[in-house]
Amino acid sequence: MAPYIETVRLILRPYRETDRAALVDILGRCDVSKWLSKVPYPFGAADVRITCEDGSSRWPETMGIERDGELIGAVSGGAHVGYFLHPEAWGQGIATEATHAVVQFHFENTDIDAQHSDVFHGNDASRRVLEKAGFQPAGEGEVYCRAQDVKVPHTEYVLTRADWEAMH
């Protein structure tokens, strides 16, 4: 069974089949999907992928963020860190809390030496989440955003194991 990561307010856990409606609700919002490169808009039930193509869980790379028994978003770890939240959860430090937890989990439980992320220009809240976790800008680029159907400029970020350990 996949482990759960518990923080002060959150449980990070594998997706469940019962998360489908919440995922459609969250990712079906343009104000969420416009900041994510791979998510289409509109986003519907047919777009939900709870498991990988081979039927295995996406854990530990992608996990749901649960607060008070409800799925309110997701966070991914491994070599690439990313996150999204229901707009009602914005501005409460939840993405920061989840990101810190997943970064710590992966540096403590894998041999990954660096984690990467990226932020679309204009997404200042997401940029601040990464910077609080210790990520440093590593370059500029463009990435295709399915929801907007355009290439958007973004900043690439990196956090090395050595930098993480120095911070903690």
Protein backbone atom coordinates (compact mmCIF):
# COMPACT_ATOMS: atom_id res chain seq x y z
CA MET A 1 0.00 0.00 0.00
CA ALA A 2 1.26 3.46 -0.87
CA PRO A 3 2.28 5.66 2.04
CA TYR A 4 0.39 8.77 2.99
CA ILE A 5 2.20 11.98 3.81
CA GLU A 6 0.58 13.86 6.66
CA THR A 7 1.26 17.51 7.39
CA VAL A 8 -0.25 19.80 10.00
CA ARG A 9 -3.42 20.36 7.92
CA LEU A 10 -3.21 18.00 4.98
CA ILE A 11 -3.02 14.41 3.84
CA LEU A 12 -1.15 13.77 0.59
CA ARG A 13 -2.33 10.46 -0.80
CA PRO A 14 -2.83 8.43 -3.93
CA TYR A 15 -5.86 9.32 -6.00
CA ARG A 16 -9.02 7.31 -5.46
CA GLU A 17 -11.77 6.54 -7.93
CA THR A 18 -14.03 8.69 -5.75
CA ASP A 19 -11.83 11.72 -6.55
CA ARG A 20 -13.10 11.95 -10.13
CA ALA A 21 -15.84 14.52 -9.46
CA ALA A 22 -13.54 16.75 -7.42
CA LEU A 23 -10.83 16.61 -10.09
CA VAL A 24 -13.35 17.57 -12.79
CA ASP A 25 -14.61 20.41 -10.61
CA ILE A 26 -11.11 21.78 -9.92
CA LEU A 27 -9.50 21.26 -13.33
CA GLY A 28 -12.68 22.27 -15.14
CA ARG A 29 -12.14 25.84 -13.95
CA CYS A 30 -10.38 28.07 -16.43
CA ASP A 31 -8.72 30.00 -13.60
CA VAL A 32 -6.94 26.73 -12.65
CA SER A 33 -6.32 25.06 -16.00
CA LYS A 34 -4.87 28.17 -17.62
CA TRP A 35 -1.77 27.78 -15.42
CA LEU A 36 -1.17 24.09 -16.27
CA SER A 37 0.55 23.02 -19.46
CA LYS A 38 -1.01 19.57 -19.99
CA VAL A 39 -4.58 20.15 -18.85
CA PRO A 40 -7.20 20.82 -21.53
CA TYR A 41 -10.01 23.32 -21.17
CA PRO A 42 -12.77 22.51 -20.91
CA PHE A 43 -11.79 19.57 -18.69
CA GLY A 44 -14.32 16.78 -18.27
CA ALA A 45 -14.75 13.33 -16.77
CA ALA A 46 -13.15 11.66 -19.80
CA ASP A 47 -9.95 13.63 -19.11
CA VAL A 48 -9.45 12.23 -15.59
CA ARG A 49 -6.56 9.78 -15.32
CA ILE A 50 -6.52 8.17 -11.90
CA THR A 51 -3.97 5.55 -12.91
CA CYS A 52 -1.20 5.15 -15.44
CA GLU A 53 -1.80 3.42 -18.76
CA ASP A 54 -0.51 0.13 -17.32
CA GLY A 55 -3.02 0.31 -14.46
CA SER A 56 -0.46 1.16 -11.77
CA SER A 57 -0.94 4.06 -9.41
CA ARG A 58 0.73 7.37 -10.23
CA TRP A 59 2.03 7.40 -6.63
CA PRO A 60 4.44 8.72 -5.58
CA GLU A 61 4.75 11.16 -8.46
CA THR A 62 1.22 12.55 -8.21
CA MET A 63 -0.97 12.56 -5.15
CA GLY A 64 -4.17 14.17 -4.06
CA ILE A 65 -4.21 16.93 -1.46
CA GLU A 66 -6.90 16.20 1.09
CA ARG A 67 -8.08 18.60 3.79
CA ASP A 68 -10.86 17.77 6.21
CA GLY A 69 -11.75 14.67 4.20
CA GLU A 70 -12.11 16.49 0.86
CA LEU A 71 -9.84 16.48 -2.19
CA ILE A 72 -8.84 20.11 -2.77
CA GLY A 73 -5.99 19.69 -5.24
CA ALA A 74 -2.95 17.68 -6.16
CA VAL A 75 0.82 17.83 -5.90
CA SER A 76 3.48 15.97 -7.81
CA GLY A 77 7.02 15.19 -6.78
CA GLY A 78 9.84 13.18 -8.21
CA ALA A 79 12.00 14.97 -10.73
CA HIS A 80 9.29 17.56 -11.51
CA VAL A 81 7.28 19.32 -8.83
CA GLY A 82 3.89 20.78 -9.62
CA TYR A 83 0.59 21.48 -7.90
CA PHE A 84 -2.91 22.81 -8.34
CA LEU A 85 -5.64 23.74 -5.89
CA HIS A 86 -9.31 24.56 -5.90
CA PRO A 87 -9.58 28.38 -5.96
CA GLU A 88 -11.34 28.33 -2.58
CA ALA A 89 -8.06 26.98 -1.12
CA TRP A 90 -5.85 29.68 -2.64
CA GLY A 91 -4.00 32.10 -0.38
CA GLN A 92 -3.98 29.81 2.68
CA GLY A 93 -0.46 28.39 2.45
CA ILE A 94 -1.74 24.99 1.35
CA ALA A 95 0.36 24.75 -1.81
CA THR A 96 3.42 25.77 0.20
CA GLU A 97 2.72 23.14 2.88
CA ALA A 98 2.11 20.40 0.31
CA THR A 99 5.17 21.35 -1.76
CA HIS A 100 7.48 21.31 1.26
CA ALA A 101 6.15 17.90 2.27
CA VAL A 102 6.53 16.30 -1.15
CA VAL A 103 10.01 17.75 -1.69
CA GLN A 104 11.13 16.48 1.69
CA PHE A 105 9.59 13.04 1.04
CA HIS A 106 11.36 12.65 -2.28
CA PHE A 107 14.76 13.84 -1.10
CA GLU A 108 14.53 11.49 1.92
CA ASN A 109 13.18 8.47 0.04
CA THR A 110 14.67 8.57 -3.46
CA ASP A 111 18.04 9.09 -5.09
CA ILE A 112 16.82 12.15 -7.00
CA ASP A 113 19.54 14.81 -6.79
CA ALA A 114 17.48 17.71 -8.10
CA GLN A 115 13.86 18.60 -8.47
CA HIS A 116 12.61 20.90 -11.20
CA SER A 117 9.51 22.97 -11.69
CA ASP A 118 8.29 25.79 -13.87
CA VAL A 119 5.88 28.67 -13.56
CA PHE A 120 4.03 30.54 -16.28
CA HIS A 121 4.84 34.23 -16.32
CA GLY A 122 2.15 36.06 -14.39
CA ASN A 123 1.53 33.27 -11.88
CA ASP A 124 3.16 35.09 -8.98
CA ALA A 125 1.49 32.99 -6.28
CA SER A 126 2.96 29.79 -7.71
CA ARG A 127 6.36 31.44 -8.07
CA ARG A 128 6.29 32.37 -4.38
CA VAL A 129 5.45 28.77 -3.41
CA LEU A 130 8.55 27.50 -5.21
CA GLU A 131 10.79 30.21 -3.80
CA LYS A 132 9.62 29.46 -0.24
CA ALA A 133 10.61 25.83 -0.81
CA GLY A 134 14.09 26.91 -1.91
CA PHE A 135 13.74 26.56 -5.68
CA GLN A 136 15.97 28.91 -7.68
CA PRO A 137 15.36 30.29 -11.18
CA ALA A 138 17.30 28.26 -13.73
CA GLY A 139 16.19 29.66 -17.07
CA GLU A 140 13.44 31.00 -19.24
CA GLY A 141 11.50 29.27 -21.96
CA GLU A 142 8.15 28.64 -23.56
CA VAL A 143 5.79 25.76 -23.11
CA TYR A 144 2.56 24.86 -24.87
CA CYS A 145 -0.52 25.32 -22.69
CA ARG A 146 -3.40 23.10 -23.82
CA ALA A 147 -6.04 25.11 -21.97
CA GLN A 148 -5.00 28.35 -23.66
CA ASP A 149 -3.96 26.67 -26.94
CA VAL A 150 -0.82 28.83 -27.13
CA LYS A 151 2.81 28.76 -26.15
CA VAL A 152 3.34 30.70 -22.95
CA PRO A 153 6.55 32.05 -21.44
CA HIS A 154 7.66 30.40 -18.24
CA THR A 155 10.51 30.41 -15.77
CA GLU A 156 12.24 27.13 -15.02
CA TYR A 157 13.25 26.42 -11.42
CA VAL A 158 15.55 23.91 -9.76
CA LEU A 159 16.15 22.72 -6.20
CA THR A 160 19.15 20.50 -5.58
CA ARG A 161 19.44 17.97 -2.80
CA ALA A 162 22.47 19.88 -1.48
CA ASP A 163 20.52 23.15 -1.34
CA TRP A 164 17.57 21.43 0.35
CA GLU A 165 19.84 19.81 2.94
CA ALA A 166 21.60 23.13 3.60
CA MET A 167 18.21 24.72 4.29
CA HIS A 168 17.22 21.96 6.71
